[in-house]
Amino acid sequence: MEGYNRAPLFRIRIGALMNRKKKINQTLKSKAKKANAKLQSSNKPKYIAKADRAAEADSESHAVDAAVVNSVTLDSESAES
């Protein structure tokens, strides 16, 4: 038993302790980074789906068509009078 060396066991324990500290620090840093990212505001415009854009364009063109039809009927009525 005199020749028994404890050094490898000691290194394993310190290595495990360092890995645990590293993991804890890594987790805390990532949480802080995510919290900071939530506080930042973005200047990017909100995304509008392609289907919504198409529906909006259709409704606008339909409204314009209706306005043109109304103006044409009003002009024809005034011309008849």
N, C-alpha and C. Protein backbone atom coordinates (compact mmCIF):
# COMPACT_ATOMS: atom_id res chain seq x y z
N MET A 1 0.80 -1.21 0.00
CA MET A 1 0.00 0.00 0.00
C MET A 1 0.84 1.27 0.00
N GLU A 2 2.10 1.14 0.27
CA GLU A 2 2.95 2.32 0.31
C GLU A 2 3.12 2.93 -1.08
N GLY A 3 3.08 2.11 -2.12
CA GLY A 3 3.31 2.60 -3.46
C GLY A 3 2.04 3.10 -4.15
N TYR A 4 0.93 3.10 -3.44
CA TYR A 4 -0.35 3.51 -4.03
C TYR A 4 -0.34 5.01 -4.29
N ASN A 5 -0.67 5.41 -5.48
CA ASN A 5 -0.64 6.82 -5.86
C ASN A 5 -2.08 7.33 -5.98
N ARG A 6 -2.40 8.36 -5.28
CA ARG A 6 -3.75 8.92 -5.30
C ARG A 6 -3.92 10.01 -6.38
N ALA A 7 -2.89 10.39 -7.01
CA ALA A 7 -2.93 11.51 -7.94
C ALA A 7 -3.96 11.34 -9.06
N PRO A 8 -4.08 10.18 -9.71
CA PRO A 8 -5.08 10.09 -10.77
C PRO A 8 -6.51 10.30 -10.29
N LEU A 9 -6.85 9.78 -9.11
CA LEU A 9 -8.20 9.99 -8.58
C LEU A 9 -8.45 11.46 -8.27
N PHE A 10 -7.44 12.11 -7.74
CA PHE A 10 -7.56 13.52 -7.42
C PHE A 10 -7.81 14.33 -8.69
N ARG A 11 -7.10 14.00 -9.78
CA ARG A 11 -7.29 14.71 -11.04
C ARG A 11 -8.68 14.48 -11.60
N ILE A 12 -9.20 13.30 -11.47
CA ILE A 12 -10.54 12.99 -11.98
C ILE A 12 -11.58 13.82 -11.24
N ARG A 13 -11.44 13.91 -9.94
CA ARG A 13 -12.42 14.68 -9.15
C ARG A 13 -12.37 16.16 -9.52
N ILE A 14 -11.16 16.71 -9.67
CA ILE A 14 -11.05 18.13 -10.05
C ILE A 14 -11.58 18.32 -11.46
N GLY A 15 -11.29 17.38 -12.35
CA GLY A 15 -11.80 17.48 -13.70
C GLY A 15 -13.31 17.48 -13.73
N ALA A 16 -13.92 16.62 -12.92
CA ALA A 16 -15.38 16.57 -12.86
C ALA A 16 -15.93 17.86 -12.27
N LEU A 17 -15.25 18.39 -11.29
CA LEU A 17 -15.69 19.64 -10.68
C LEU A 17 -15.60 20.78 -11.68
N MET A 18 -14.53 20.83 -12.44
CA MET A 18 -14.37 21.88 -13.44
C MET A 18 -15.43 21.75 -14.54
N ASN A 19 -15.72 20.53 -14.94
CA ASN A 19 -16.76 20.34 -15.95
C ASN A 19 -18.11 20.81 -15.44
N ARG A 20 -18.39 20.56 -14.17
CA ARG A 20 -19.65 20.99 -13.58
C ARG A 20 -19.72 22.51 -13.55
N LYS A 21 -18.63 23.15 -13.13
CA LYS A 21 -18.60 24.62 -13.10
C LYS A 21 -18.77 25.19 -14.50
N LYS A 22 -18.07 24.57 -15.45
CA LYS A 22 -18.16 25.04 -16.83
C LYS A 22 -19.60 24.95 -17.33
N LYS A 23 -20.25 23.83 -17.05
CA LYS A 23 -21.63 23.63 -17.51
C LYS A 23 -22.57 24.65 -16.86
N ILE A 24 -22.39 24.90 -15.58
CA ILE A 24 -23.24 25.88 -14.88
C ILE A 24 -23.03 27.27 -15.47
N ASN A 25 -21.76 27.64 -15.67
CA ASN A 25 -21.47 28.96 -16.25
C ASN A 25 -22.03 29.08 -17.66
N GLN A 26 -21.91 28.00 -18.42
CA GLN A 26 -22.43 27.99 -19.78
C GLN A 26 -23.95 28.21 -19.78
N THR A 27 -24.64 27.53 -18.89
CA THR A 27 -26.10 27.64 -18.79
C THR A 27 -26.50 29.06 -18.39
N LEU A 28 -25.81 29.61 -17.39
CA LEU A 28 -26.14 30.96 -16.94
C LEU A 28 -25.88 32.00 -18.03
N LYS A 29 -24.78 31.83 -18.75
CA LYS A 29 -24.47 32.77 -19.84
C LYS A 29 -25.52 32.69 -20.94
N SER A 30 -25.94 31.48 -21.28
CA SER A 30 -26.93 31.35 -22.35
C SER A 30 -28.27 31.95 -21.93
N LYS A 31 -28.66 31.77 -20.67
CA LYS A 31 -29.92 32.37 -20.20
C LYS A 31 -29.83 33.90 -20.21
N ALA A 32 -28.69 34.44 -19.80
CA ALA A 32 -28.51 35.89 -19.82
C ALA A 32 -28.54 36.42 -21.25
N LYS A 33 -27.93 35.69 -22.16
CA LYS A 33 -27.91 36.10 -23.56
C LYS A 33 -29.32 36.12 -24.14
N LYS A 34 -30.13 35.09 -23.82
CA LYS A 34 -31.50 35.04 -24.32
C LYS A 34 -32.34 36.17 -23.73
N ALA A 35 -32.16 36.45 -22.44
CA ALA A 35 -32.92 37.53 -21.80
C ALA A 35 -32.56 38.88 -22.42
N ASN A 36 -31.29 39.08 -22.72
CA ASN A 36 -30.84 40.32 -23.34
C ASN A 36 -31.40 40.45 -24.75
N ALA A 37 -31.47 39.35 -25.46
CA ALA A 37 -32.00 39.37 -26.82
C ALA A 37 -33.48 39.73 -26.83
N LYS A 38 -34.22 39.30 -25.82
CA LYS A 38 -35.65 39.64 -25.74
C LYS A 38 -35.86 41.13 -25.50
N LEU A 39 -34.93 41.76 -24.82
CA LEU A 39 -35.07 43.19 -24.52
C LEU A 39 -34.81 44.06 -25.75
N GLN A 40 -34.05 43.56 -26.70
CA GLN A 40 -33.73 44.34 -27.89
C GLN A 40 -34.95 44.39 -28.81
N SER A 41 -35.19 45.57 -29.35
CA SER A 41 -36.31 45.71 -30.28
C SER A 41 -35.77 45.60 -31.71
N SER A 42 -36.60 45.14 -32.60
CA SER A 42 -36.18 44.95 -33.98
C SER A 42 -36.87 45.98 -34.87
N ASN A 43 -36.14 46.47 -35.86
CA ASN A 43 -36.70 47.41 -36.82
C ASN A 43 -37.29 46.69 -38.02
N LYS A 44 -37.18 45.38 -38.01
CA LYS A 44 -37.66 44.59 -39.14
C LYS A 44 -39.18 44.59 -39.16
N PRO A 45 -39.80 44.80 -40.31
CA PRO A 45 -41.27 44.79 -40.38
C PRO A 45 -41.82 43.39 -40.13
N LYS A 46 -43.02 43.34 -39.61
CA LYS A 46 -43.65 42.07 -39.31
C LYS A 46 -43.94 41.31 -40.60
N TYR A 47 -43.71 40.00 -40.57
CA TYR A 47 -43.91 39.17 -41.76
C TYR A 47 -45.39 39.01 -42.05
N ILE A 48 -45.77 39.17 -43.30
CA ILE A 48 -47.14 38.95 -43.74
C ILE A 48 -47.11 37.80 -44.73
N ALA A 49 -47.92 36.79 -44.49
CA ALA A 49 -47.92 35.59 -45.32
C ALA A 49 -48.33 35.94 -46.75
N LYS A 50 -47.84 35.13 -47.68
CA LYS A 50 -48.12 35.38 -49.09
C LYS A 50 -49.61 35.34 -49.38
N ALA A 51 -50.33 34.40 -48.75
CA ALA A 51 -51.77 34.30 -48.96
C ALA A 51 -52.48 35.56 -48.46
N ASP A 52 -52.02 36.08 -47.31
CA ASP A 52 -52.63 37.30 -46.78
C ASP A 52 -52.36 38.50 -47.70
N ARG A 53 -51.14 38.55 -48.26
CA ARG A 53 -50.82 39.65 -49.18
C ARG A 53 -51.68 39.56 -50.44
N ALA A 54 -51.90 38.34 -50.92
CA ALA A 54 -52.71 38.16 -52.12
C ALA A 54 -54.16 38.54 -51.84
N ALA A 55 -54.67 38.15 -50.68
CA ALA A 55 -56.05 38.48 -50.32
C ALA A 55 -56.21 39.99 -50.17
N GLU A 56 -55.21 40.64 -49.60
CA GLU A 56 -55.28 42.09 -49.43
C GLU A 56 -55.24 42.79 -50.79
N ALA A 57 -54.41 42.30 -51.69
CA ALA A 57 -54.33 42.90 -53.02
C ALA A 57 -55.64 42.70 -53.77
N ASP A 58 -56.25 41.52 -53.63
CA ASP A 58 -57.54 41.27 -54.28
C ASP A 58 -58.62 42.20 -53.74
N SER A 59 -58.64 42.37 -52.42
CA SER A 59 -59.68 43.24 -51.84
C SER A 59 -59.47 44.69 -52.27
N GLU A 60 -58.20 45.12 -52.38
CA GLU A 60 -57.94 46.49 -52.84
C GLU A 60 -58.36 46.66 -54.30
N SER A 61 -58.04 45.68 -55.13
CA SER A 61 -58.40 45.80 -56.54
C SER A 61 -59.92 45.73 -56.71
N HIS A 62 -60.58 44.94 -55.87
CA HIS A 62 -62.04 44.86 -55.92
C HIS A 62 -62.66 46.19 -55.51
N ALA A 63 -62.08 46.82 -54.49
CA ALA A 63 -62.58 48.12 -54.04
C ALA A 63 -62.38 49.17 -55.12
N VAL A 64 -61.25 49.13 -55.80
CA VAL A 64 -60.98 50.08 -56.88
C VAL A 64 -61.95 49.84 -58.03
N ASP A 65 -62.20 48.57 -58.38
CA ASP A 65 -63.14 48.25 -59.44
C ASP A 65 -64.54 48.75 -59.10
N ALA A 66 -64.95 48.59 -57.86
CA ALA A 66 -66.27 49.04 -57.43
C ALA A 66 -66.36 50.57 -57.53
N ALA A 67 -65.29 51.26 -57.17
CA ALA A 67 -65.29 52.72 -57.25
C ALA A 67 -65.37 53.18 -58.70
N VAL A 68 -64.68 52.48 -59.59
CA VAL A 68 -64.72 52.84 -61.02
C VAL A 68 -66.12 52.61 -61.56
N VAL A 69 -66.74 51.50 -61.19
CA VAL A 69 -68.10 51.18 -61.66
C VAL A 69 -69.07 52.24 -61.16
N ASN A 70 -68.94 52.65 -59.91
CA ASN A 70 -69.82 53.68 -59.35
C ASN A 70 -69.64 55.01 -60.07
N SER A 71 -68.42 55.36 -60.36
CA SER A 71 -68.20 56.64 -61.03
C SER A 71 -68.71 56.59 -62.47
N VAL A 72 -68.61 55.45 -63.11
CA VAL A 72 -69.10 55.32 -64.48
C VAL A 72 -70.63 55.41 -64.50
N THR A 73 -71.29 54.76 -63.54
CA THR A 73 -72.76 54.82 -63.51
C THR A 73 -73.23 56.23 -63.18
N LEU A 74 -72.51 56.93 -62.32
CA LEU A 74 -72.90 58.30 -62.00
C LEU A 74 -72.72 59.19 -63.23
N ASP A 75 -71.67 58.99 -63.99
CA ASP A 75 -71.43 59.79 -65.19
C ASP A 75 -72.51 59.50 -66.25
N SER A 76 -72.88 58.24 -66.38
CA SER A 76 -73.88 57.89 -67.38
C SER A 76 -75.26 58.43 -67.00
N GLU A 77 -75.55 58.46 -65.71
CA GLU A 77 -76.83 59.00 -65.25
C GLU A 77 -76.90 60.50 -65.50
N SER A 78 -75.78 61.19 -65.25
CA SER A 78 -75.77 62.64 -65.45
C SER A 78 -75.82 62.95 -66.97
N ALA A 79 -75.26 62.07 -67.79
CA ALA A 79 -75.29 62.29 -69.23
C ALA A 79 -76.70 62.07 -69.76
N GLU A 80 -77.46 61.15 -69.17
CA GLU A 80 -78.81 60.88 -69.63
C GLU A 80 -79.77 62.03 -69.26
N SER A 81 -79.46 62.74 -68.18
CA SER A 81 -80.36 63.78 -67.74
C SER A 81 -80.31 65.03 -68.55
